Amino acid sequence: MLKAGWNFGKKRAENEEEKATRVVIELRKKSAEHEAMSTKWTTSQSERQGLRERVRDLEDALRARQQQLDTLLKALEEKNDQYDRDTHAYKTDLQEREMQLGFLINKIRQAAVHMVQLSDEAEDLSCQFPPSQQSSISEFLERVKKYSDIARKFV
């Protein structure tokens, strides 16, 4: 009976030893898993930090580009405003010159009409002078007629 008790105790001790070994193996597995997860977590944290820095860099670059675009847009708006002012000034100047030109054209027409009238009057007068004076008057009248022909083109 002692032998049977001893076998039972031995089996029980072996059983306890197996359980202890399994627990140790299980603990080692859990520890290895924990280490792997810890490493993964650290790597993940590091990657997240790198991504955060990358996002910050991209945001900074985006802000810089936006500022450049805002500056360019402002410059473009200023140039557009200047163009509008210049265009308005050119239109105003052109209108003034057109008015001056119209005024001058009217004056030239008036002068041409007056010249034609003078030519007609001079021709009428030439008939009233004696033949001795007609030659110098005739030369004068020819010049007036010549200028009158030019003036008729403007009438």
C-alpha atoms as a PDB file:
ATOM      1  CA  MET A   1       0.000   0.000   0.000  1.00  0.00           C
ATOM      2  CA  LEU A   2       2.795   2.223   0.552  1.00  0.00           C
ATOM      3  CA  LYS A   3       3.829   1.681  -2.971  1.00  0.00           C
ATOM      4  CA  ALA A   4       0.427   2.615  -4.287  1.00  0.00           C
ATOM      5  CA  GLY A   5       0.442   5.788  -2.194  1.00  0.00           C
ATOM      6  CA  TRP A   6       3.896   6.541  -3.341  1.00  0.00           C
ATOM      7  CA  ASN A   7       2.913   6.096  -7.004  1.00  0.00           C
ATOM      8  CA  PHE A   8      -0.071   8.259  -6.395  1.00  0.00           C
ATOM      9  CA  GLY A   9       2.118  10.941  -4.848  1.00  0.00           C
ATOM     10  CA  LYS A  10       4.659  10.598  -7.599  1.00  0.00           C
ATOM     11  CA  LYS A  11       1.984  10.928 -10.256  1.00  0.00           C
ATOM     12  CA  ARG A  12       0.538  13.814  -8.419  1.00  0.00           C
ATOM     13  CA  ALA A  13       3.942  15.493  -8.224  1.00  0.00           C
ATOM     14  CA  GLU A  14       4.528  14.827 -11.923  1.00  0.00           C
ATOM     15  CA  ASN A  15       1.103  16.168 -12.647  1.00  0.00           C
ATOM     16  CA  GLU A  16       1.856  19.293 -10.574  1.00  0.00           C
ATOM     17  CA  GLU A  17       5.205  19.628 -12.319  1.00  0.00           C
ATOM     18  CA  GLU A  18       3.535  19.345 -15.727  1.00  0.00           C
ATOM     19  CA  LYS A  19       0.998  21.946 -14.713  1.00  0.00           C
ATOM     20  CA  ALA A  20       3.783  24.204 -13.459  1.00  0.00           C
ATOM     21  CA  THR A  21       5.713  23.677 -16.699  1.00  0.00           C
ATOM     22  CA  ARG A  22       2.596  24.463 -18.737  1.00  0.00           C
ATOM     23  CA  VAL A  23       2.013  27.580 -16.632  1.00  0.00           C
ATOM     24  CA  VAL A  24       5.667  28.636 -17.116  1.00  0.00           C
ATOM     25  CA  ILE A  25       5.379  27.985 -20.877  1.00  0.00           C
ATOM     26  CA  GLU A  26       2.083  29.862 -20.967  1.00  0.00           C
ATOM     27  CA  LEU A  27       3.648  32.753 -19.016  1.00  0.00           C
ATOM     28  CA  ARG A  28       6.620  32.815 -21.384  1.00  0.00           C
ATOM     29  CA  LYS A  29       4.233  32.850 -24.370  1.00  0.00           C
ATOM     30  CA  LYS A  30       2.228  35.657 -22.791  1.00  0.00           C
ATOM     31  CA  SER A  31       5.439  37.530 -21.991  1.00  0.00           C
ATOM     32  CA  ALA A  32       6.657  37.097 -25.592  1.00  0.00           C
ATOM     33  CA  GLU A  33       3.266  38.224 -26.896  1.00  0.00           C
ATOM     34  CA  HIS A  34       3.375  41.160 -24.524  1.00  0.00           C
ATOM     35  CA  GLU A  35       6.844  42.088 -25.731  1.00  0.00           C
ATOM     36  CA  ALA A  36       5.748  41.746 -29.360  1.00  0.00           C
ATOM     37  CA  MET A  37       2.683  43.895 -28.689  1.00  0.00           C
ATOM     38  CA  SER A  38       4.805  46.399 -26.785  1.00  0.00           C
ATOM     39  CA  THR A  39       7.266  46.572 -29.688  1.00  0.00           C
ATOM     40  CA  LYS A  40       4.384  46.889 -32.131  1.00  0.00           C
ATOM     41  CA  TRP A  41       2.828  49.594 -29.998  1.00  0.00           C
ATOM     42  CA  THR A  42       6.149  51.470 -29.736  1.00  0.00           C
ATOM     43  CA  THR A  43       6.643  51.147 -33.493  1.00  0.00           C
ATOM     44  CA  SER A  44       3.056  52.221 -34.061  1.00  0.00           C
ATOM     45  CA  GLN A  45       3.550  55.218 -31.757  1.00  0.00           C
ATOM     46  CA  SER A  46       6.734  56.103 -33.609  1.00  0.00           C
ATOM     47  CA  GLU A  47       4.962  55.781 -36.949  1.00  0.00           C
ATOM     48  CA  ARG A  48       2.080  57.917 -35.685  1.00  0.00           C
ATOM     49  CA  GLN A  49       4.531  60.542 -34.476  1.00  0.00           C
ATOM     50  CA  GLY A  50       6.228  60.482 -37.888  1.00  0.00           C
ATOM     51  CA  LEU A  51       2.850  60.824 -39.577  1.00  0.00           C
ATOM     52  CA  ARG A  52       1.903  63.706 -37.275  1.00  0.00           C
ATOM     53  CA  GLU A  53       5.149  65.465 -38.174  1.00  0.00           C
ATOM     54  CA  ARG A  54       4.511  64.807 -41.865  1.00  0.00           C
ATOM     55  CA  VAL A  55       0.973  66.189 -41.532  1.00  0.00           C
ATOM     56  CA  ARG A  56       2.341  69.296 -39.777  1.00  0.00           C
ATOM     57  CA  ASP A  57       4.940  69.736 -42.535  1.00  0.00           C
ATOM     58  CA  LEU A  58       2.246  69.377 -45.198  1.00  0.00           C
ATOM     59  CA  GLU A  59      -0.030  71.814 -43.387  1.00  0.00           C
ATOM     60  CA  ASP A  60       2.849  74.321 -43.147  1.00  0.00           C
ATOM     61  CA  ALA A  61       3.587  73.894 -46.854  1.00  0.00           C
ATOM     62  CA  LEU A  62      -0.113  74.300 -47.635  1.00  0.00           C
ATOM     63  CA  ARG A  63      -0.307  77.486 -45.569  1.00  0.00           C
ATOM     64  CA  ALA A  64       2.788  78.841 -47.327  1.00  0.00           C
ATOM     65  CA  ARG A  65       1.272  78.049 -50.748  1.00  0.00           C
ATOM     66  CA  GLN A  66      -2.029  79.606 -49.708  1.00  0.00           C
ATOM     67  CA  GLN A  67      -0.189  82.737 -48.622  1.00  0.00           C
ATOM     68  CA  GLN A  68       1.636  82.840 -51.968  1.00  0.00           C
ATOM     69  CA  LEU A  69      -1.667  82.425 -53.795  1.00  0.00           C
ATOM     70  CA  ASP A  70      -3.258  85.167 -51.687  1.00  0.00           C
ATOM     71  CA  THR A  71      -0.322  87.475 -52.463  1.00  0.00           C
ATOM     72  CA  LEU A  72      -0.542  86.686 -56.181  1.00  0.00           C
ATOM     73  CA  LEU A  73      -4.300  87.183 -56.165  1.00  0.00           C
ATOM     74  CA  LYS A  74      -3.928  90.546 -54.446  1.00  0.00           C
ATOM     75  CA  ALA A  75      -1.279  91.619 -56.969  1.00  0.00           C
ATOM     76  CA  LEU A  76      -3.542  90.473 -59.810  1.00  0.00           C
ATOM     77  CA  GLU A  77      -6.489  92.410 -58.386  1.00  0.00           C
ATOM     78  CA  GLU A  78      -4.297  95.529 -58.060  1.00  0.00           C
ATOM     79  CA  LYS A  79      -3.121  95.151 -61.663  1.00  0.00           C
ATOM     80  CA  ASN A  80      -6.710  94.653 -62.791  1.00  0.00           C
ATOM     81  CA  ASP A  81      -7.782  97.786 -60.918  1.00  0.00           C
ATOM     82  CA  GLN A  82      -4.890  99.718 -62.489  1.00  0.00           C
ATOM     83  CA  TYR A  83      -5.892  98.378 -65.902  1.00  0.00           C
ATOM     84  CA  ASP A  84      -9.473  99.547 -65.305  1.00  0.00           C
ATOM     85  CA  ARG A  85      -8.246 103.007 -64.260  1.00  0.00           C
ATOM     86  CA  ASP A  86      -5.926 103.211 -67.296  1.00  0.00           C
ATOM     87  CA  THR A  87      -8.712 102.071 -69.620  1.00  0.00           C
ATOM     88  CA  HIS A  88     -11.070 104.681 -68.191  1.00  0.00           C
ATOM     89  CA  ALA A  89      -8.396 107.391 -68.556  1.00  0.00           C
ATOM     90  CA  TYR A  90      -7.696 106.320 -72.171  1.00  0.00           C
ATOM     91  CA  LYS A  91     -11.418 106.362 -73.000  1.00  0.00           C
ATOM     92  CA  THR A  92     -11.799 109.814 -71.458  1.00  0.00           C
ATOM     93  CA  ASP A  93      -8.734 111.082 -73.335  1.00  0.00           C
ATOM     94  CA  LEU A  94     -10.007 109.543 -76.581  1.00  0.00           C
ATOM     95  CA  GLN A  95     -13.411 111.197 -76.134  1.00  0.00           C
ATOM     96  CA  GLU A  96     -11.737 114.558 -75.525  1.00  0.00           C
ATOM     97  CA  ARG A  97      -9.563 114.142 -78.613  1.00  0.00           C
ATOM     98  CA  GLU A  98     -12.573 113.107 -80.698  1.00  0.00           C
ATOM     99  CA  MET A  99     -14.368 116.233 -79.528  1.00  0.00           C
ATOM    100  CA  GLN A 100     -11.318 118.371 -80.391  1.00  0.00           C
ATOM    101  CA  LEU A 101     -11.023 116.683 -83.762  1.00  0.00           C
ATOM    102  CA  GLY A 102     -14.731 117.246 -84.438  1.00  0.00           C
ATOM    103  CA  PHE A 103     -14.318 120.893 -83.467  1.00  0.00           C
ATOM    104  CA  LEU A 104     -11.317 121.289 -85.784  1.00  0.00           C
ATOM    105  CA  ILE A 105     -13.105 119.539 -88.645  1.00  0.00           C
ATOM    106  CA  ASN A 106     -16.038 121.936 -88.226  1.00  0.00           C
ATOM    107  CA  LYS A 107     -13.638 124.899 -88.242  1.00  0.00           C
ATOM    108  CA  ILE A 108     -11.957 123.595 -91.409  1.00  0.00           C
ATOM    109  CA  ARG A 109     -15.368 123.157 -93.074  1.00  0.00           C
ATOM    110  CA  GLN A 110     -16.357 126.694 -92.046  1.00  0.00           C
ATOM    111  CA  ALA A 111     -13.083 128.030 -93.441  1.00  0.00           C
ATOM    112  CA  ALA A 112     -13.583 126.042 -96.666  1.00  0.00           C
ATOM    113  CA  VAL A 113     -17.134 127.376 -97.068  1.00  0.00           C
ATOM    114  CA  HIS A 114     -15.870 130.890 -96.427  1.00  0.00           C
ATOM    115  CA  MET A 115     -13.066 130.389 -98.977  1.00  0.00           C
ATOM    116  CA  VAL A 116     -15.559 129.201-101.608  1.00  0.00           C
ATOM    117  CA  GLN A 117     -17.748 132.224-100.886  1.00  0.00           C
ATOM    118  CA  LEU A 118     -14.743 134.539-101.192  1.00  0.00           C
ATOM    119  CA  SER A 119     -13.780 132.888-104.466  1.00  0.00           C
ATOM    120  CA  ASP A 120     -17.256 133.433-105.846  1.00  0.00           C
ATOM    121  CA  GLU A 121     -17.227 137.080-104.696  1.00  0.00           C
ATOM    122  CA  ALA A 122     -13.739 137.606-106.142  1.00  0.00           C
ATOM    123  CA  GLU A 123     -14.855 136.300-109.510  1.00  0.00           C
ATOM    124  CA  ASP A 124     -17.812 138.668-109.445  1.00  0.00           C
ATOM    125  CA  LEU A 125     -15.484 141.568-108.536  1.00  0.00           C
ATOM    126  CA  SER A 126     -12.990 140.790-111.281  1.00  0.00           C
ATOM    127  CA  CYS A 127     -15.560 141.684-113.882  1.00  0.00           C
ATOM    128  CA  GLN A 128     -15.926 145.151-112.365  1.00  0.00           C
ATOM    129  CA  PHE A 129     -12.243 146.202-112.813  1.00  0.00           C
ATOM    130  CA  PRO A 130     -10.858 147.836-115.978  1.00  0.00           C
ATOM    131  CA  PRO A 131      -8.786 145.605-118.306  1.00  0.00           C
ATOM    132  CA  SER A 132      -5.479 147.206-117.209  1.00  0.00           C
ATOM    133  CA  GLN A 133      -5.930 145.967-113.625  1.00  0.00           C
ATOM    134  CA  GLN A 134      -7.461 142.633-114.559  1.00  0.00           C
ATOM    135  CA  SER A 135      -4.138 140.871-115.128  1.00  0.00           C
ATOM    136  CA  SER A 136      -2.872 141.290-111.540  1.00  0.00           C
ATOM    137  CA  ILE A 137      -6.330 140.676-110.196  1.00  0.00           C
ATOM    138  CA  SER A 138      -6.629 137.677-112.475  1.00  0.00           C
ATOM    139  CA  GLU A 139      -3.426 136.178-111.060  1.00  0.00           C
ATOM    140  CA  PHE A 140      -4.703 136.781-107.557  1.00  0.00           C
ATOM    141  CA  LEU A 141      -8.037 135.252-108.437  1.00  0.00           C
ATOM    142  CA  GLU A 142      -6.360 132.197-109.959  1.00  0.00           C
ATOM    143  CA  ARG A 143      -4.532 131.615-106.684  1.00  0.00           C
ATOM    144  CA  VAL A 144      -7.756 132.083-104.731  1.00  0.00           C
ATOM    145  CA  LYS A 145      -9.540 129.710-107.136  1.00  0.00           C
ATOM    146  CA  LYS A 146      -6.775 127.130-106.682  1.00  0.00           C
ATOM    147  CA  TYR A 147      -7.143 127.306-102.892  1.00  0.00           C
ATOM    148  CA  SER A 148     -10.894 127.312-103.272  1.00  0.00           C
ATOM    149  CA  ASP A 149     -10.762 124.068-105.264  1.00  0.00           C
ATOM    150  CA  ILE A 150      -8.774 122.510-102.436  1.00  0.00           C
ATOM    151  CA  ALA A 151     -11.248 123.905 -99.895  1.00  0.00           C
ATOM    152  CA  ARG A 152     -14.237 122.465-101.804  1.00  0.00           C
ATOM    153  CA  LYS A 153     -12.984 118.980-100.950  1.00  0.00           C
ATOM    154  CA  PHE A 154     -13.672 119.716 -97.278  1.00  0.00           C
ATOM    155  CA  VAL A 155     -17.160 121.067 -97.814  1.00  0.00           C
END
